[in-house]
Amino acid sequence: MDESPNSAKVPSIPDVLARAAIQASPRLAGSLSVVYDGLRQRWVARGQEVVSEVDSRSTPDLLSQRLAESEELDAAVLTAVEAGASSGVGAKRRLLGR
């Protein structure tokens, strides 16, 4: 979990490369871009469900403190968010956030 306020706006390297590959195909750029953007937005929304569950169970200050104190917890939370973002099962996403 990146704590910077603009972290959701900063694209990852794979995101940048995928967008470049889509734009390189002039015949499919429009439709592929729509599909890619939609899938990416769904992935982000599913990961946000995990984060929302975590937020509902802790204060931001306590969570920040605990993540800073434990690399293992920090890695576990990141893994849970990534797993939730990849899951199509809402109950699993909520459980991962707990």
C-alpha atoms as a PDB file:
ATOM      1  CA  MET A   1       0.000   0.000   0.000  1.00  0.00           C
ATOM      2  CA  ASP A   2       1.611   3.204  -1.184  1.00  0.00           C
ATOM      3  CA  GLU A   3       0.908   6.073   1.175  1.00  0.00           C
ATOM      4  CA  SER A   4       1.381   8.881  -1.352  1.00  0.00           C
ATOM      5  CA  PRO A   5      -1.860  10.688  -2.210  1.00  0.00           C
ATOM      6  CA  ASN A   6      -1.338  10.191  -5.946  1.00  0.00           C
ATOM      7  CA  SER A   7      -0.408   6.483  -5.802  1.00  0.00           C
ATOM      8  CA  ALA A   8      -3.632   5.462  -7.588  1.00  0.00           C
ATOM      9  CA  LYS A   9      -2.752   7.801 -10.464  1.00  0.00           C
ATOM     10  CA  VAL A  10       0.817   6.544 -10.969  1.00  0.00           C
ATOM     11  CA  PRO A  11       0.859   3.783 -13.594  1.00  0.00           C
ATOM     12  CA  SER A  12       3.033   0.723 -13.105  1.00  0.00           C
ATOM     13  CA  ILE A  13       5.687  -0.260 -15.650  1.00  0.00           C
ATOM     14  CA  PRO A  14       3.528  -3.166 -16.961  1.00  0.00           C
ATOM     15  CA  ASP A  15       0.609  -0.724 -17.286  1.00  0.00           C
ATOM     16  CA  VAL A  16       2.727   1.697 -19.326  1.00  0.00           C
ATOM     17  CA  LEU A  17       4.046  -1.109 -21.548  1.00  0.00           C
ATOM     18  CA  ALA A  18       0.564  -2.524 -22.133  1.00  0.00           C
ATOM     19  CA  ARG A  19      -0.775   0.896 -23.092  1.00  0.00           C
ATOM     20  CA  ALA A  20       2.146   1.426 -25.482  1.00  0.00           C
ATOM     21  CA  ALA A  21       1.518  -1.955 -27.133  1.00  0.00           C
ATOM     22  CA  ILE A  22      -2.177  -1.126 -27.546  1.00  0.00           C
ATOM     23  CA  GLN A  23      -1.413   2.229 -29.133  1.00  0.00           C
ATOM     24  CA  ALA A  24       1.079   0.590 -31.515  1.00  0.00           C
ATOM     25  CA  SER A  25      -1.799  -1.242 -33.224  1.00  0.00           C
ATOM     26  CA  PRO A  26      -3.641   1.434 -35.231  1.00  0.00           C
ATOM     27  CA  ARG A  27      -6.469  -0.917 -36.301  1.00  0.00           C
ATOM     28  CA  LEU A  28      -7.272  -2.108 -32.778  1.00  0.00           C
ATOM     29  CA  ALA A  29      -6.078   0.751 -30.578  1.00  0.00           C
ATOM     30  CA  GLY A  30      -9.549   2.129 -29.855  1.00  0.00           C
ATOM     31  CA  SER A  31     -11.284  -1.107 -28.929  1.00  0.00           C
ATOM     32  CA  LEU A  32      -8.294  -2.635 -27.149  1.00  0.00           C
ATOM     33  CA  SER A  33      -7.881   0.543 -25.144  1.00  0.00           C
ATOM     34  CA  VAL A  34     -11.507   0.369 -23.983  1.00  0.00           C
ATOM     35  CA  VAL A  35     -11.127  -3.280 -22.972  1.00  0.00           C
ATOM     36  CA  TYR A  36      -7.820  -2.657 -21.214  1.00  0.00           C
ATOM     37  CA  ASP A  37      -9.113   0.390 -19.326  1.00  0.00           C
ATOM     38  CA  GLY A  38     -12.239  -1.485 -18.232  1.00  0.00           C
ATOM     39  CA  LEU A  39     -10.282  -4.501 -16.992  1.00  0.00           C
ATOM     40  CA  ARG A  40      -7.801  -2.274 -15.162  1.00  0.00           C
ATOM     41  CA  GLN A  41     -10.600  -0.328 -13.473  1.00  0.00           C
ATOM     42  CA  ARG A  42     -12.237  -3.592 -12.362  1.00  0.00           C
ATOM     43  CA  TRP A  43      -8.901  -4.824 -10.959  1.00  0.00           C
ATOM     44  CA  VAL A  44      -8.386  -1.581  -9.011  1.00  0.00           C
ATOM     45  CA  ALA A  45     -11.980  -1.636  -7.686  1.00  0.00           C
ATOM     46  CA  ARG A  46     -11.608  -5.228  -6.441  1.00  0.00           C
ATOM     47  CA  GLY A  47      -8.346  -4.374  -4.677  1.00  0.00           C
ATOM     48  CA  GLN A  48     -10.064  -1.349  -3.146  1.00  0.00           C
ATOM     49  CA  GLU A  49     -12.692  -3.651  -1.618  1.00  0.00           C
ATOM     50  CA  VAL A  50      -9.913  -5.346   0.367  1.00  0.00           C
ATOM     51  CA  VAL A  51      -8.476  -1.990   1.428  1.00  0.00           C
ATOM     52  CA  SER A  52     -11.933  -0.755   2.471  1.00  0.00           C
ATOM     53  CA  GLU A  53     -12.390  -3.800   4.699  1.00  0.00           C
ATOM     54  CA  VAL A  54      -8.991  -3.166   6.295  1.00  0.00           C
ATOM     55  CA  ASP A  55      -9.868   0.506   6.802  1.00  0.00           C
ATOM     56  CA  SER A  56     -13.174  -0.383   8.464  1.00  0.00           C
ATOM     57  CA  ARG A  57     -11.327  -2.405  11.095  1.00  0.00           C
ATOM     58  CA  SER A  58      -8.524   0.008  11.972  1.00  0.00           C
ATOM     59  CA  THR A  59      -7.718   3.686  12.148  1.00  0.00           C
ATOM     60  CA  PRO A  60      -5.339   5.013   9.493  1.00  0.00           C
ATOM     61  CA  ASP A  61      -2.794   5.995  12.166  1.00  0.00           C
ATOM     62  CA  LEU A  62      -2.817   2.573  13.814  1.00  0.00           C
ATOM     63  CA  LEU A  63      -2.601   0.798  10.476  1.00  0.00           C
ATOM     64  CA  SER A  64       0.315   2.981   9.351  1.00  0.00           C
ATOM     65  CA  GLN A  65       2.115   2.371  12.629  1.00  0.00           C
ATOM     66  CA  ARG A  66       1.627  -1.404  12.465  1.00  0.00           C
ATOM     67  CA  LEU A  67       2.724  -1.576   8.824  1.00  0.00           C
ATOM     68  CA  ALA A  68       5.826   0.487   9.583  1.00  0.00           C
ATOM     69  CA  GLU A  69       6.722  -1.760  12.531  1.00  0.00           C
ATOM     70  CA  SER A  70       6.340  -5.071  10.685  1.00  0.00           C
ATOM     71  CA  GLU A  71       7.694  -5.869   7.240  1.00  0.00           C
ATOM     72  CA  GLU A  72       5.867  -9.196   7.428  1.00  0.00           C
ATOM     73  CA  LEU A  73       2.509  -7.501   8.041  1.00  0.00           C
ATOM     74  CA  ASP A  74       3.223  -4.986   5.285  1.00  0.00           C
ATOM     75  CA  ALA A  75       3.950  -7.839   2.851  1.00  0.00           C
ATOM     76  CA  ALA A  76       0.864  -9.770   4.006  1.00  0.00           C
ATOM     77  CA  VAL A  77      -1.427  -6.770   3.440  1.00  0.00           C
ATOM     78  CA  LEU A  78       0.039  -6.146  -0.009  1.00  0.00           C
ATOM     79  CA  THR A  79      -0.367  -9.826  -0.904  1.00  0.00           C
ATOM     80  CA  ALA A  80      -3.976  -9.780   0.336  1.00  0.00           C
ATOM     81  CA  VAL A  81      -4.794  -6.706  -1.770  1.00  0.00           C
ATOM     82  CA  GLU A  82      -3.212  -8.271  -4.862  1.00  0.00           C
ATOM     83  CA  ALA A  83      -5.060 -11.559  -4.268  1.00  0.00           C
ATOM     84  CA  GLY A  84      -8.327  -9.684  -3.775  1.00  0.00           C
ATOM     85  CA  ALA A  85      -7.782  -7.663  -6.936  1.00  0.00           C
ATOM     86  CA  SER A  86      -7.350 -10.915  -8.844  1.00  0.00           C
ATOM     87  CA  SER A  87     -10.395 -12.607  -7.317  1.00  0.00           C
ATOM     88  CA  GLY A  88     -13.875 -12.535  -8.755  1.00  0.00           C
ATOM     89  CA  VAL A  89     -15.377 -13.607  -5.411  1.00  0.00           C
ATOM     90  CA  GLY A  90     -16.626 -10.732  -3.240  1.00  0.00           C
ATOM     91  CA  ALA A  91     -16.712 -12.806  -0.046  1.00  0.00           C
ATOM     92  CA  LYS A  92     -13.062 -13.723  -0.568  1.00  0.00           C
ATOM     93  CA  ARG A  93     -12.107 -10.067  -0.979  1.00  0.00           C
ATOM     94  CA  ARG A  94     -13.857  -9.146   2.270  1.00  0.00           C
ATOM     95  CA  LEU A  95     -12.211 -12.070   4.069  1.00  0.00           C
ATOM     96  CA  LEU A  96      -8.783 -11.039   2.790  1.00  0.00           C
ATOM     97  CA  GLY A  97      -9.383  -7.558   4.214  1.00  0.00           C
ATOM     98  CA  ARG A  98     -10.161  -8.984   7.636  1.00  0.00           C
END
